[in-house]
Structure formats: structure tokens, C-alpha cells
Amino acid sequence: MVLTAADREELVRMTTTGVHPASVIRRARVLLALDTSAGEIGSQKVIAARLGVSVRRCDWSPSV
């Protein structure tokens, strides 16, 4: 998945400032980890382990 600079900035802001539900912060972190515009990403299994979420949560497809 490729995030635009604006999307990436918004997701980073959501994870670092303000008060947001834990589920929103967790999803933002997953999306940032899956962003290929910043270079190569690890496997979904590695990302899930690093973020402490299930591999299923890191399963991204364009329809999601």
C-alpha cells in the first residue's frame, strides 16, 4: 500500500498527539507499517509481531 504524504502525516499525528481510541491508534500504526512509499516493508507476520497485533489485522487489500 502506498500512502500519500498527507495521509502519512495525518496517521503520524493521530499516533502521537491528542486523544484517540486505542483501536484507531493501533490501525494507524498498522497502516504506517504497511506503507511502501517509505521503502521496503517486512512481512505481515513481522509487522504483526512488532506491533503486537494479529497477522489478520495486517492483511491489507484494496477493498478494505
PDB file of N, CA and C in Angstrom:
ATOM      1  N   MET A   1       0.848  -1.155   0.000  1.00  0.00           N
ATOM      2  CA  MET A   1       0.000   0.000   0.000  1.00  0.00           C
ATOM      3  C   MET A   1       0.898   1.223   0.000  1.00  0.00           C
ATOM      4  N   VAL A   2       0.491   2.234  -0.739  1.00  0.00           N
ATOM      5  CA  VAL A   2       1.245   3.486  -0.790  1.00  0.00           C
ATOM      6  C   VAL A   2       0.371   4.601  -0.226  1.00  0.00           C
ATOM      7  N   LEU A   3       0.885   5.255   0.790  1.00  0.00           N
ATOM      8  CA  LEU A   3       0.174   6.383   1.390  1.00  0.00           C
ATOM      9  C   LEU A   3       0.677   7.684   0.783  1.00  0.00           C
ATOM     10  N   THR A   4      -0.222   8.637   0.648  1.00  0.00           N
ATOM     11  CA  THR A   4       0.209   9.972   0.228  1.00  0.00           C
ATOM     12  C   THR A   4       0.907  10.629   1.409  1.00  0.00           C
ATOM     13  N   ALA A   5       1.654  11.666   1.135  1.00  0.00           N
ATOM     14  CA  ALA A   5       2.340  12.395   2.211  1.00  0.00           C
ATOM     15  C   ALA A   5       1.332  12.936   3.221  1.00  0.00           C
ATOM     16  N   ALA A   6       0.197  13.417   2.724  1.00  0.00           N
ATOM     17  CA  ALA A   6      -0.834  13.968   3.613  1.00  0.00           C
ATOM     18  C   ALA A   6      -1.431  12.874   4.495  1.00  0.00           C
ATOM     19  N   ASP A   7      -1.704  11.707   3.902  1.00  0.00           N
ATOM     20  CA  ASP A   7      -2.247  10.587   4.680  1.00  0.00           C
ATOM     21  C   ASP A   7      -1.252  10.151   5.751  1.00  0.00           C
ATOM     22  N   ARG A   8       0.002  10.016   5.344  1.00  0.00           N
ATOM     23  CA  ARG A   8       1.045   9.598   6.282  1.00  0.00           C
ATOM     24  C   ARG A   8       1.167  10.603   7.432  1.00  0.00           C
ATOM     25  N   GLU A   9       1.161  11.883   7.103  1.00  0.00           N
ATOM     26  CA  GLU A   9       1.252  12.929   8.124  1.00  0.00           C
ATOM     27  C   GLU A   9       0.087  12.850   9.107  1.00  0.00           C
ATOM     28  N   GLU A  10      -1.112  12.647   8.581  1.00  0.00           N
ATOM     29  CA  GLU A  10      -2.304  12.540   9.435  1.00  0.00           C
ATOM     30  C   GLU A  10      -2.220  11.318  10.344  1.00  0.00           C
ATOM     31  N   LEU A  11      -1.778  10.191   9.815  1.00  0.00           N
ATOM     32  CA  LEU A  11      -1.659   8.983  10.629  1.00  0.00           C
ATOM     33  C   LEU A  11      -0.597   9.148  11.709  1.00  0.00           C
ATOM     34  N   VAL A  12       0.514   9.765  11.375  1.00  0.00           N
ATOM     35  CA  VAL A  12       1.555  10.018  12.377  1.00  0.00           C
ATOM     36  C   VAL A  12       1.006  10.936  13.460  1.00  0.00           C
ATOM     37  N   ARG A  13       0.276  11.979  13.057  1.00  0.00           N
ATOM     38  CA  ARG A  13      -0.315  12.901  14.031  1.00  0.00           C
ATOM     39  C   ARG A  13      -1.266  12.166  14.968  1.00  0.00           C
ATOM     40  N   MET A  14      -2.062  11.263  14.404  1.00  0.00           N
ATOM     41  CA  MET A  14      -3.025  10.512  15.216  1.00  0.00           C
ATOM     42  C   MET A  14      -2.328   9.620  16.244  1.00  0.00           C
ATOM     43  N   THR A  15      -1.158   9.115  15.910  1.00  0.00           N
ATOM     44  CA  THR A  15      -0.471   8.204  16.827  1.00  0.00           C
ATOM     45  C   THR A  15       0.387   8.934  17.852  1.00  0.00           C
ATOM     46  N   THR A  16       0.583  10.225  17.669  1.00  0.00           N
ATOM     47  CA  THR A  16       1.493  10.935  18.570  1.00  0.00           C
ATOM     48  C   THR A  16       0.867  12.090  19.340  1.00  0.00           C
ATOM     49  N   THR A  17      -0.275  12.590  18.898  1.00  0.00           N
ATOM     50  CA  THR A  17      -0.876  13.734  19.589  1.00  0.00           C
ATOM     51  C   THR A  17      -2.357  13.512  19.817  1.00  0.00           C
ATOM     52  N   GLY A  18      -2.900  14.227  20.760  1.00  0.00           N
ATOM     53  CA  GLY A  18      -4.333  14.181  21.006  1.00  0.00           C
ATOM     54  C   GLY A  18      -4.773  12.912  21.705  1.00  0.00           C
ATOM     55  N   VAL A  19      -6.085  12.777  21.809  1.00  0.00           N
ATOM     56  CA  VAL A  19      -6.681  11.625  22.461  1.00  0.00           C
ATOM     57  C   VAL A  19      -7.531  10.893  21.422  1.00  0.00           C
ATOM     58  N   HIS A  20      -7.156   9.651  21.158  1.00  0.00           N
ATOM     59  CA  HIS A  20      -7.874   8.835  20.186  1.00  0.00           C
ATOM     60  C   HIS A  20      -8.095   7.448  20.777  1.00  0.00           C
ATOM     61  N   PRO A  21      -9.160   6.775  20.391  1.00  0.00           N
ATOM     62  CA  PRO A  21      -9.385   5.409  20.869  1.00  0.00           C
ATOM     63  C   PRO A  21      -8.192   4.510  20.503  1.00  0.00           C
ATOM     64  N   ALA A  22      -7.902   3.543  21.372  1.00  0.00           N
ATOM     65  CA  ALA A  22      -6.775   2.638  21.141  1.00  0.00           C
ATOM     66  C   ALA A  22      -6.892   1.923  19.803  1.00  0.00           C
ATOM     67  N   SER A  23      -8.102   1.566  19.401  1.00  0.00           N
ATOM     68  CA  SER A  23      -8.281   0.846  18.135  1.00  0.00           C
ATOM     69  C   SER A  23      -7.892   1.719  16.942  1.00  0.00           C
ATOM     70  N   VAL A  24      -8.146   3.011  17.030  1.00  0.00           N
ATOM     71  CA  VAL A  24      -7.787   3.937  15.956  1.00  0.00           C
ATOM     72  C   VAL A  24      -6.268   4.088  15.883  1.00  0.00           C
ATOM     73  N   ILE A  25      -5.630   4.211  17.026  1.00  0.00           N
ATOM     74  CA  ILE A  25      -4.175   4.336  17.067  1.00  0.00           C
ATOM     75  C   ILE A  25      -3.519   3.060  16.544  1.00  0.00           C
ATOM     76  N   ARG A  26      -4.042   1.916  16.961  1.00  0.00           N
ATOM     77  CA  ARG A  26      -3.498   0.631  16.507  1.00  0.00           C
ATOM     78  C   ARG A  26      -3.621   0.498  14.995  1.00  0.00           C
ATOM     79  N   ARG A  27      -4.769   0.858  14.442  1.00  0.00           N
ATOM     80  CA  ARG A  27      -4.971   0.764  12.989  1.00  0.00           C
ATOM     81  C   ARG A  27      -4.050   1.740  12.255  1.00  0.00           C
ATOM     82  N   ALA A  28      -3.878   2.935  12.788  1.00  0.00           N
ATOM     83  CA  ALA A  28      -2.980   3.909  12.173  1.00  0.00           C
ATOM     84  C   ALA A  28      -1.552   3.376  12.137  1.00  0.00           C
ATOM     85  N   ARG A  29      -1.126   2.736  13.219  1.00  0.00           N
ATOM     86  CA  ARG A  29       0.224   2.160  13.261  1.00  0.00           C
ATOM     87  C   ARG A  29       0.383   1.044  12.238  1.00  0.00           C
ATOM     88  N   VAL A  30      -0.643   0.222  12.074  1.00  0.00           N
ATOM     89  CA  VAL A  30      -0.596  -0.847  11.073  1.00  0.00           C
ATOM     90  C   VAL A  30      -0.489  -0.246   9.676  1.00  0.00           C
ATOM     91  N   LEU A  31      -1.305   0.758   9.383  1.00  0.00           N
ATOM     92  CA  LEU A  31      -1.258   1.386   8.063  1.00  0.00           C
ATOM     93  C   LEU A  31       0.104   2.017   7.790  1.00  0.00           C
ATOM     94  N   LEU A  32       0.682   2.658   8.783  1.00  0.00           N
ATOM     95  CA  LEU A  32       2.012   3.241   8.615  1.00  0.00           C
ATOM     96  C   LEU A  32       3.059   2.155   8.363  1.00  0.00           C
ATOM     97  N   ALA A  33       2.931   1.037   9.052  1.00  0.00           N
ATOM     98  CA  ALA A  33       3.889  -0.060   8.873  1.00  0.00           C
ATOM     99  C   ALA A  33       3.755  -0.713   7.500  1.00  0.00           C
ATOM    100  N   LEU A  34       2.551  -0.671   6.918  1.00  0.00           N
ATOM    101  CA  LEU A  34       2.316  -1.275   5.606  1.00  0.00           C
ATOM    102  C   LEU A  34       2.609  -0.323   4.452  1.00  0.00           C
ATOM    103  N   ASP A  35       2.956   0.907   4.754  1.00  0.00           N
ATOM    104  CA  ASP A  35       3.211   1.921   3.726  1.00  0.00           C
ATOM    105  C   ASP A  35       4.518   1.629   2.991  1.00  0.00           C
ATOM    106  N   THR A  36       4.422   1.352   1.712  1.00  0.00           N
ATOM    107  CA  THR A  36       5.612   1.039   0.919  1.00  0.00           C
ATOM    108  C   THR A  36       6.282   2.286   0.348  1.00  0.00           C
ATOM    109  N   SER A  37       5.671   3.454   0.495  1.00  0.00           N
ATOM    110  CA  SER A  37       6.294   4.670  -0.027  1.00  0.00           C
ATOM    111  C   SER A  37       7.554   5.031   0.752  1.00  0.00           C
ATOM    112  N   ALA A  38       7.682   4.500   1.952  1.00  0.00           N
ATOM    113  CA  ALA A  38       8.857   4.773   2.783  1.00  0.00           C
ATOM    114  C   ALA A  38       9.952   3.732   2.558  1.00  0.00           C
ATOM    115  N   GLY A  39       9.758   2.822   1.615  1.00  0.00           N
ATOM    116  CA  GLY A  39      10.752   1.783   1.338  1.00  0.00           C
ATOM    117  C   GLY A  39      10.174   0.393   1.566  1.00  0.00           C
ATOM    118  N   GLU A  40      11.065  -0.572   1.585  1.00  0.00           N
ATOM    119  CA  GLU A  40      10.642  -1.958   1.774  1.00  0.00           C
ATOM    120  C   GLU A  40      10.012  -2.142   3.146  1.00  0.00           C
ATOM    121  N   ILE A  41       9.024  -3.029   3.196  1.00  0.00           N
ATOM    122  CA  ILE A  41       8.385  -3.348   4.467  1.00  0.00           C
ATOM    123  C   ILE A  41       8.635  -4.813   4.773  1.00  0.00           C
ATOM    124  N   GLY A  42       8.526  -5.171   6.017  1.00  0.00           N
ATOM    125  CA  GLY A  42       8.675  -6.559   6.421  1.00  0.00           C
ATOM    126  C   GLY A  42       7.432  -7.346   6.061  1.00  0.00           C
ATOM    127  N   SER A  43       7.476  -8.625   6.329  1.00  0.00           N
ATOM    128  CA  SER A  43       6.306  -9.461   6.074  1.00  0.00           C
ATOM    129  C   SER A  43       5.198  -9.086   7.056  1.00  0.00           C
ATOM    130  N   GLN A  44       3.989  -9.487   6.728  1.00  0.00           N
ATOM    131  CA  GLN A  44       2.867  -9.200   7.617  1.00  0.00           C
ATOM    132  C   GLN A  44       3.088  -9.832   8.980  1.00  0.00           C
ATOM    133  N   LYS A  45       3.722 -10.980   8.993  1.00  0.00           N
ATOM    134  CA  LYS A  45       3.995 -11.669  10.254  1.00  0.00           C
ATOM    135  C   LYS A  45       4.949 -10.839  11.121  1.00  0.00           C
ATOM    136  N   VAL A  46       5.987 -10.282  10.516  1.00  0.00           N
ATOM    137  CA  VAL A  46       6.953  -9.462  11.246  1.00  0.00           C
ATOM    138  C   VAL A  46       6.289  -8.179  11.741  1.00  0.00           C
ATOM    139  N   ILE A  47       5.506  -7.544  10.888  1.00  0.00           N
ATOM    140  CA  ILE A  47       4.811  -6.309  11.272  1.00  0.00           C
ATOM    141  C   ILE A  47       3.854  -6.587  12.426  1.00  0.00           C
ATOM    142  N   ALA A  48       3.090  -7.670  12.333  1.00  0.00           N
ATOM    143  CA  ALA A  48       2.141  -8.027  13.388  1.00  0.00           C
ATOM    144  C   ALA A  48       2.859  -8.250  14.716  1.00  0.00           C
ATOM    145  N   ALA A  49       3.969  -8.967  14.684  1.00  0.00           N
ATOM    146  CA  ALA A  49       4.725  -9.222  15.913  1.00  0.00           C
ATOM    147  C   ALA A  49       5.269  -7.923  16.495  1.00  0.00           C
ATOM    148  N   ARG A  50       5.787  -7.059  15.640  1.00  0.00           N
ATOM    149  CA  ARG A  50       6.350  -5.792  16.108  1.00  0.00           C
ATOM    150  C   ARG A  50       5.288  -4.899  16.745  1.00  0.00           C
ATOM    151  N   LEU A  51       4.086  -4.910  16.176  1.00  0.00           N
ATOM    152  CA  LEU A  51       3.020  -4.042  16.675  1.00  0.00           C
ATOM    153  C   LEU A  51       2.141  -4.703  17.729  1.00  0.00           C
ATOM    154  N   GLY A  52       2.332  -6.002  17.944  1.00  0.00           N
ATOM    155  CA  GLY A  52       1.527  -6.705  18.944  1.00  0.00           C
ATOM    156  C   GLY A  52       0.086  -6.912  18.515  1.00  0.00           C
ATOM    157  N   VAL A  53      -0.122  -7.144  17.221  1.00  0.00           N
ATOM    158  CA  VAL A  53      -1.468  -7.394  16.700  1.00  0.00           C
ATOM    159  C   VAL A  53      -1.467  -8.725  15.958  1.00  0.00           C
ATOM    160  N   SER A  54      -2.642  -9.178  15.565  1.00  0.00           N
ATOM    161  CA  SER A  54      -2.728 -10.430  14.811  1.00  0.00           C
ATOM    162  C   SER A  54      -2.295 -10.204  13.364  1.00  0.00           C
ATOM    163  N   VAL A  55      -1.852 -11.267  12.720  1.00  0.00           N
ATOM    164  CA  VAL A  55      -1.470 -11.182  11.312  1.00  0.00           C
ATOM    165  C   VAL A  55      -2.684 -10.774  10.485  1.00  0.00           C
ATOM    166  N   ARG A  56      -3.838 -11.225  10.887  1.00  0.00           N
ATOM    167  CA  ARG A  56      -5.079 -10.884  10.171  1.00  0.00           C
ATOM    168  C   ARG A  56      -5.291  -9.365  10.128  1.00  0.00           C
ATOM    169  N   ARG A  57      -4.939  -8.677  11.202  1.00  0.00           N
ATOM    170  CA  ARG A  57      -5.102  -7.222  11.248  1.00  0.00           C
ATOM    171  C   ARG A  57      -4.167  -6.536  10.242  1.00  0.00           C
ATOM    172  N   CYS A  58      -3.074  -7.201   9.893  1.00  0.00           N
ATOM    173  CA  CYS A  58      -2.102  -6.639   8.944  1.00  0.00           C
ATOM    174  C   CYS A  58      -2.400  -7.077   7.517  1.00  0.00           C
ATOM    175  N   ASP A  59      -3.481  -7.788   7.319  1.00  0.00           N
ATOM    176  CA  ASP A  59      -3.841  -8.239   5.978  1.00  0.00           C
ATOM    177  C   ASP A  59      -4.535  -7.100   5.261  1.00  0.00           C
ATOM    178  N   TRP A  60      -3.849  -6.524   4.293  1.00  0.00           N
ATOM    179  CA  TRP A  60      -4.390  -5.381   3.575  1.00  0.00           C
ATOM    180  C   TRP A  60      -4.700  -5.760   2.146  1.00  0.00           C
ATOM    181  N   SER A  61      -5.833  -5.324   1.687  1.00  0.00           N
ATOM    182  CA  SER A  61      -6.173  -5.445   0.268  1.00  0.00           C
ATOM    183  C   SER A  61      -6.901  -4.160  -0.129  1.00  0.00           C
ATOM    184  N   PRO A  62      -6.889  -3.802  -1.402  1.00  0.00           N
ATOM    185  CA  PRO A  62      -7.519  -2.538  -1.839  1.00  0.00           C
ATOM    186  C   PRO A  62      -8.981  -2.402  -1.467  1.00  0.00           C
ATOM    187  N   SER A  63      -9.679  -3.514  -1.255  1.00  0.00           N
ATOM    188  CA  SER A  63     -11.103  -3.425  -0.934  1.00  0.00           C
ATOM    189  C   SER A  63     -11.371  -3.090   0.521  1.00  0.00           C
ATOM    190  N   VAL A  64     -10.325  -3.097   1.376  1.00  0.00           N
ATOM    191  CA  VAL A  64     -10.513  -2.837   2.793  1.00  0.00           C
ATOM    192  C   VAL A  64     -10.580  -1.362   3.066  1.00  0.00           C
TER     193      VAL A  64
END
